[in-house]
Amino acid sequence: MYVGTLSFDLLLGDVRSLKEKRSVVRPIVAELQRKYAVSAAEVDHMDLHRRAVVGLAVVSGDLAHLTDVLDRCERLVAGRPEVELLSVGRRFHGEDD
C-alpha cells in the first residue's frame, strides 16, 4: 500500500474577503475530489484573503497509479487561471516507512 500527498500553496487573484476566497477555493477542492477520488481540503492560511494551502491524499496499491493521480491533480490546479501556484509539496509513504 502506498500513500501520496500533495500540498499546493496558492496565491489567489483579486480576492477582497474570506467569502470571496471560499468561492475560489471550494470549487478547486470539489473538482479534485470529484475527478480523482482524492481526499482534499484547505489546510492552512484560513485567515488570509489572498493565500490558501490545499492539501490532498491518495491511497493506492500501485505506485505508478499513485504517481499518475498526483500528476493529474497537480496539472489541474496549475491550470486554474484564478490562482497562481506558488509551490507544490509532494510526499510518498510506502510499506517500508
N, C-alpha and C. Protein backbone atom coordinates (compact mmCIF):
# COMPACT_ATOMS: atom_id res chain seq x y z
N MET A 1 0.85 -1.17 0.00
CA MET A 1 0.00 0.00 0.00
C MET A 1 0.90 1.24 0.00
N TYR A 2 0.50 2.22 -0.80
CA TYR A 2 1.22 3.48 -0.90
C TYR A 2 0.25 4.64 -0.63
N VAL A 3 0.77 5.66 0.02
CA VAL A 3 0.01 6.88 0.28
C VAL A 3 0.81 8.03 -0.31
N GLY A 4 0.14 8.85 -1.08
CA GLY A 4 0.78 10.04 -1.65
C GLY A 4 0.04 11.28 -1.20
N THR A 5 0.80 12.32 -0.90
CA THR A 5 0.18 13.58 -0.50
C THR A 5 0.75 14.72 -1.34
N LEU A 6 -0.09 15.71 -1.57
CA LEU A 6 0.31 16.94 -2.24
C LEU A 6 -0.18 18.11 -1.39
N SER A 7 0.61 19.16 -1.35
CA SER A 7 0.14 20.41 -0.77
C SER A 7 0.44 21.52 -1.77
N PHE A 8 -0.57 22.31 -2.05
CA PHE A 8 -0.48 23.41 -3.01
C PHE A 8 -0.53 24.73 -2.25
N ASP A 9 0.49 25.55 -2.39
CA ASP A 9 0.48 26.89 -1.83
C ASP A 9 0.00 27.81 -2.94
N LEU A 10 -1.14 28.44 -2.73
CA LEU A 10 -1.81 29.22 -3.78
C LEU A 10 -1.87 30.69 -3.43
N LEU A 11 -1.66 31.51 -4.44
CA LEU A 11 -1.91 32.95 -4.36
C LEU A 11 -3.17 33.21 -5.17
N LEU A 12 -4.17 33.76 -4.52
CA LEU A 12 -5.46 33.98 -5.18
C LEU A 12 -5.45 35.34 -5.86
N GLY A 13 -6.25 35.46 -6.90
CA GLY A 13 -6.32 36.70 -7.67
C GLY A 13 -6.93 37.84 -6.89
N ASP A 14 -7.84 38.55 -7.49
CA ASP A 14 -8.46 39.74 -6.90
C ASP A 14 -9.53 39.32 -5.88
N VAL A 15 -9.07 38.92 -4.70
CA VAL A 15 -9.95 38.46 -3.63
C VAL A 15 -9.88 39.46 -2.49
N ARG A 16 -11.02 39.96 -2.04
CA ARG A 16 -11.03 41.01 -1.02
C ARG A 16 -11.66 40.57 0.30
N SER A 17 -12.17 39.35 0.37
CA SER A 17 -12.79 38.90 1.61
C SER A 17 -12.65 37.39 1.73
N LEU A 18 -12.90 36.89 2.92
CA LEU A 18 -12.85 35.43 3.12
C LEU A 18 -13.98 34.74 2.36
N LYS A 19 -15.09 35.43 2.21
CA LYS A 19 -16.21 34.87 1.44
C LYS A 19 -15.81 34.69 -0.03
N GLU A 20 -15.15 35.68 -0.61
CA GLU A 20 -14.66 35.55 -1.99
C GLU A 20 -13.61 34.45 -2.08
N LYS A 21 -12.77 34.35 -1.06
CA LYS A 21 -11.75 33.31 -1.05
C LYS A 21 -12.41 31.93 -1.11
N ARG A 22 -13.42 31.71 -0.28
CA ARG A 22 -14.13 30.42 -0.29
C ARG A 22 -14.72 30.12 -1.67
N SER A 23 -15.19 31.16 -2.36
CA SER A 23 -15.80 30.94 -3.68
C SER A 23 -14.75 30.54 -4.73
N VAL A 24 -13.47 30.76 -4.44
CA VAL A 24 -12.40 30.32 -5.33
C VAL A 24 -11.86 28.96 -4.91
N VAL A 25 -11.66 28.76 -3.61
CA VAL A 25 -11.01 27.54 -3.12
C VAL A 25 -11.95 26.34 -3.14
N ARG A 26 -13.18 26.51 -2.73
CA ARG A 26 -14.13 25.38 -2.67
C ARG A 26 -14.30 24.66 -4.01
N PRO A 27 -14.46 25.37 -5.12
CA PRO A 27 -14.60 24.64 -6.40
C PRO A 27 -13.35 23.84 -6.77
N ILE A 28 -12.18 24.33 -6.41
CA ILE A 28 -10.94 23.59 -6.69
C ILE A 28 -10.93 22.29 -5.89
N VAL A 29 -11.22 22.38 -4.60
CA VAL A 29 -11.26 21.20 -3.74
C VAL A 29 -12.32 20.21 -4.23
N ALA A 30 -13.49 20.71 -4.58
CA ALA A 30 -14.58 19.85 -5.05
C ALA A 30 -14.21 19.14 -6.35
N GLU A 31 -13.57 19.85 -7.26
CA GLU A 31 -13.18 19.24 -8.54
C GLU A 31 -12.12 18.16 -8.34
N LEU A 32 -11.16 18.40 -7.47
CA LEU A 32 -10.15 17.39 -7.16
C LEU A 32 -10.83 16.13 -6.60
N GLN A 33 -11.75 16.31 -5.68
CA GLN A 33 -12.45 15.18 -5.08
C GLN A 33 -13.29 14.43 -6.11
N ARG A 34 -14.00 15.17 -6.93
CA ARG A 34 -14.91 14.56 -7.90
C ARG A 34 -14.16 13.84 -9.01
N LYS A 35 -13.16 14.49 -9.58
CA LYS A 35 -12.45 13.93 -10.74
C LYS A 35 -11.51 12.79 -10.38
N TYR A 36 -10.86 12.88 -9.23
CA TYR A 36 -9.78 11.94 -8.93
C TYR A 36 -9.99 11.13 -7.66
N ALA A 37 -11.14 11.26 -7.01
CA ALA A 37 -11.47 10.49 -5.81
C ALA A 37 -10.37 10.59 -4.75
N VAL A 38 -9.89 11.81 -4.52
CA VAL A 38 -8.87 12.05 -3.50
C VAL A 38 -9.53 12.71 -2.29
N SER A 39 -8.85 12.66 -1.18
CA SER A 39 -9.27 13.43 -0.02
C SER A 39 -8.57 14.77 -0.11
N ALA A 40 -9.32 15.86 -0.09
CA ALA A 40 -8.74 17.19 -0.28
C ALA A 40 -9.44 18.19 0.63
N ALA A 41 -8.66 19.19 1.06
CA ALA A 41 -9.21 20.24 1.92
C ALA A 41 -8.27 21.43 1.94
N GLU A 42 -8.82 22.59 2.29
CA GLU A 42 -7.97 23.75 2.58
C GLU A 42 -7.36 23.50 3.96
N VAL A 43 -6.04 23.59 4.06
CA VAL A 43 -5.38 23.18 5.31
C VAL A 43 -4.56 24.27 6.00
N ASP A 44 -4.36 25.42 5.37
CA ASP A 44 -3.58 26.47 6.00
C ASP A 44 -3.94 27.83 5.41
N HIS A 45 -3.54 28.87 6.09
CA HIS A 45 -3.80 30.27 5.71
C HIS A 45 -5.30 30.57 5.64
N MET A 46 -6.06 29.98 6.54
CA MET A 46 -7.50 30.17 6.53
C MET A 46 -7.91 31.62 6.82
N ASP A 47 -7.06 32.36 7.51
CA ASP A 47 -7.42 33.73 7.89
C ASP A 47 -6.88 34.78 6.92
N LEU A 48 -6.18 34.37 5.87
CA LEU A 48 -5.65 35.31 4.88
C LEU A 48 -6.55 35.32 3.65
N HIS A 49 -6.81 36.50 3.09
CA HIS A 49 -7.71 36.62 1.95
C HIS A 49 -7.11 36.08 0.66
N ARG A 50 -5.85 36.34 0.41
CA ARG A 50 -5.27 36.04 -0.91
C ARG A 50 -4.36 34.82 -0.93
N ARG A 51 -4.27 34.08 0.17
CA ARG A 51 -3.42 32.89 0.21
C ARG A 51 -4.24 31.71 0.67
N ALA A 52 -3.88 30.53 0.18
CA ALA A 52 -4.52 29.29 0.61
C ALA A 52 -3.53 28.15 0.41
N VAL A 53 -3.62 27.17 1.28
CA VAL A 53 -2.90 25.92 1.08
C VAL A 53 -3.95 24.82 1.00
N VAL A 54 -3.93 24.10 -0.10
CA VAL A 54 -4.84 22.97 -0.30
C VAL A 54 -4.01 21.71 -0.21
N GLY A 55 -4.45 20.78 0.61
CA GLY A 55 -3.76 19.51 0.76
C GLY A 55 -4.64 18.38 0.27
N LEU A 56 -4.00 17.32 -0.24
CA LEU A 56 -4.76 16.15 -0.66
C LEU A 56 -3.96 14.89 -0.39
N ALA A 57 -4.68 13.78 -0.29
CA ALA A 57 -4.06 12.49 -0.05
C ALA A 57 -4.73 11.43 -0.92
N VAL A 58 -3.92 10.46 -1.35
CA VAL A 58 -4.39 9.36 -2.19
C VAL A 58 -3.78 8.07 -1.65
N VAL A 59 -4.57 7.01 -1.64
CA VAL A 59 -4.08 5.68 -1.26
C VAL A 59 -4.22 4.76 -2.46
N SER A 60 -3.15 3.98 -2.73
CA SER A 60 -3.19 3.07 -3.87
C SER A 60 -2.29 1.86 -3.59
N GLY A 61 -2.61 0.78 -4.24
CA GLY A 61 -1.76 -0.41 -4.15
C GLY A 61 -0.65 -0.40 -5.17
N ASP A 62 -0.69 0.55 -6.10
CA ASP A 62 0.28 0.61 -7.20
C ASP A 62 0.94 1.98 -7.22
N LEU A 63 2.25 2.01 -7.11
CA LEU A 63 2.99 3.27 -7.07
C LEU A 63 2.85 4.06 -8.37
N ALA A 64 2.82 3.37 -9.52
CA ALA A 64 2.67 4.07 -10.80
C ALA A 64 1.31 4.76 -10.89
N HIS A 65 0.26 4.08 -10.44
CA HIS A 65 -1.07 4.69 -10.45
C HIS A 65 -1.11 5.89 -9.52
N LEU A 66 -0.51 5.77 -8.35
CA LEU A 66 -0.47 6.85 -7.39
C LEU A 66 0.22 8.08 -7.98
N THR A 67 1.36 7.87 -8.61
CA THR A 67 2.10 8.96 -9.23
C THR A 67 1.28 9.62 -10.34
N ASP A 68 0.58 8.82 -11.12
CA ASP A 68 -0.26 9.35 -12.20
C ASP A 68 -1.37 10.25 -11.64
N VAL A 69 -2.04 9.80 -10.59
CA VAL A 69 -3.12 10.60 -9.99
C VAL A 69 -2.57 11.91 -9.43
N LEU A 70 -1.43 11.85 -8.74
CA LEU A 70 -0.84 13.08 -8.19
C LEU A 70 -0.44 14.04 -9.30
N ASP A 71 0.12 13.52 -10.40
CA ASP A 71 0.48 14.36 -11.54
C ASP A 71 -0.74 15.05 -12.13
N ARG A 72 -1.83 14.31 -12.27
CA ARG A 72 -3.06 14.87 -12.83
C ARG A 72 -3.64 15.96 -11.92
N CYS A 73 -3.60 15.72 -10.62
CA CYS A 73 -4.08 16.72 -9.66
C CYS A 73 -3.25 17.99 -9.75
N GLU A 74 -1.94 17.82 -9.85
CA GLU A 74 -1.06 18.99 -9.94
C GLU A 74 -1.34 19.79 -11.21
N ARG A 75 -1.53 19.10 -12.32
CA ARG A 75 -1.84 19.80 -13.58
C ARG A 75 -3.17 20.54 -13.49
N LEU A 76 -4.16 19.93 -12.84
CA LEU A 76 -5.46 20.58 -12.71
C LEU A 76 -5.34 21.89 -11.94
N VAL A 77 -4.66 21.87 -10.82
CA VAL A 77 -4.52 23.08 -10.00
C VAL A 77 -3.66 24.12 -10.72
N ALA A 78 -2.58 23.69 -11.34
CA ALA A 78 -1.68 24.61 -12.06
C ALA A 78 -2.40 25.28 -13.23
N GLY A 79 -3.39 24.61 -13.80
CA GLY A 79 -4.11 25.15 -14.94
C GLY A 79 -5.25 26.08 -14.60
N ARG A 80 -5.53 26.26 -13.33
CA ARG A 80 -6.63 27.15 -12.94
C ARG A 80 -6.20 28.61 -13.10
N PRO A 81 -6.91 29.39 -13.91
CA PRO A 81 -6.48 30.77 -14.17
C PRO A 81 -6.69 31.72 -12.99
N GLU A 82 -7.56 31.37 -12.06
CA GLU A 82 -7.86 32.29 -10.95
C GLU A 82 -6.86 32.20 -9.80
N VAL A 83 -5.91 31.25 -9.88
CA VAL A 83 -4.91 31.12 -8.83
C VAL A 83 -3.52 31.03 -9.44
N GLU A 84 -2.54 31.45 -8.64
CA GLU A 84 -1.14 31.28 -9.02
C GLU A 84 -0.55 30.23 -8.09
N LEU A 85 0.02 29.19 -8.67
CA LEU A 85 0.61 28.11 -7.88
C LEU A 85 2.01 28.53 -7.46
N LEU A 86 2.19 28.80 -6.16
CA LEU A 86 3.48 29.25 -5.65
C LEU A 86 4.44 28.09 -5.42
N SER A 87 3.93 26.99 -4.86
CA SER A 87 4.77 25.82 -4.63
C SER A 87 3.91 24.58 -4.46
N VAL A 88 4.54 23.44 -4.68
CA VAL A 88 3.89 22.15 -4.51
C VAL A 88 4.79 21.27 -3.67
N GLY A 89 4.23 20.67 -2.65
CA GLY A 89 4.96 19.70 -1.84
C GLY A 89 4.40 18.32 -2.10
N ARG A 90 5.27 17.37 -2.39
CA ARG A 90 4.83 16.01 -2.72
C ARG A 90 5.56 15.03 -1.80
N ARG A 91 4.80 14.10 -1.23
CA ARG A 91 5.39 13.07 -0.37
C ARG A 91 4.78 11.72 -0.69
N PHE A 92 5.61 10.70 -0.57
CA PHE A 92 5.17 9.32 -0.74
C PHE A 92 5.46 8.56 0.56
N HIS A 93 4.53 7.73 0.95
CA HIS A 93 4.71 6.87 2.11
C HIS A 93 4.41 5.45 1.65
N GLY A 94 5.38 4.56 1.86
CA GLY A 94 5.19 3.18 1.41
C GLY A 94 5.27 2.20 2.55
N GLU A 95 5.27 0.94 2.20
CA GLU A 95 5.29 -0.13 3.18
C GLU A 95 6.58 -0.15 3.99
N ASP A 96 7.64 0.43 3.47
CA ASP A 96 8.94 0.40 4.15
C ASP A 96 9.07 1.50 5.20
N ASP A 97 8.10 2.42 5.26
CA ASP A 97 8.20 3.55 6.20
C ASP A 97 7.92 3.09 7.63
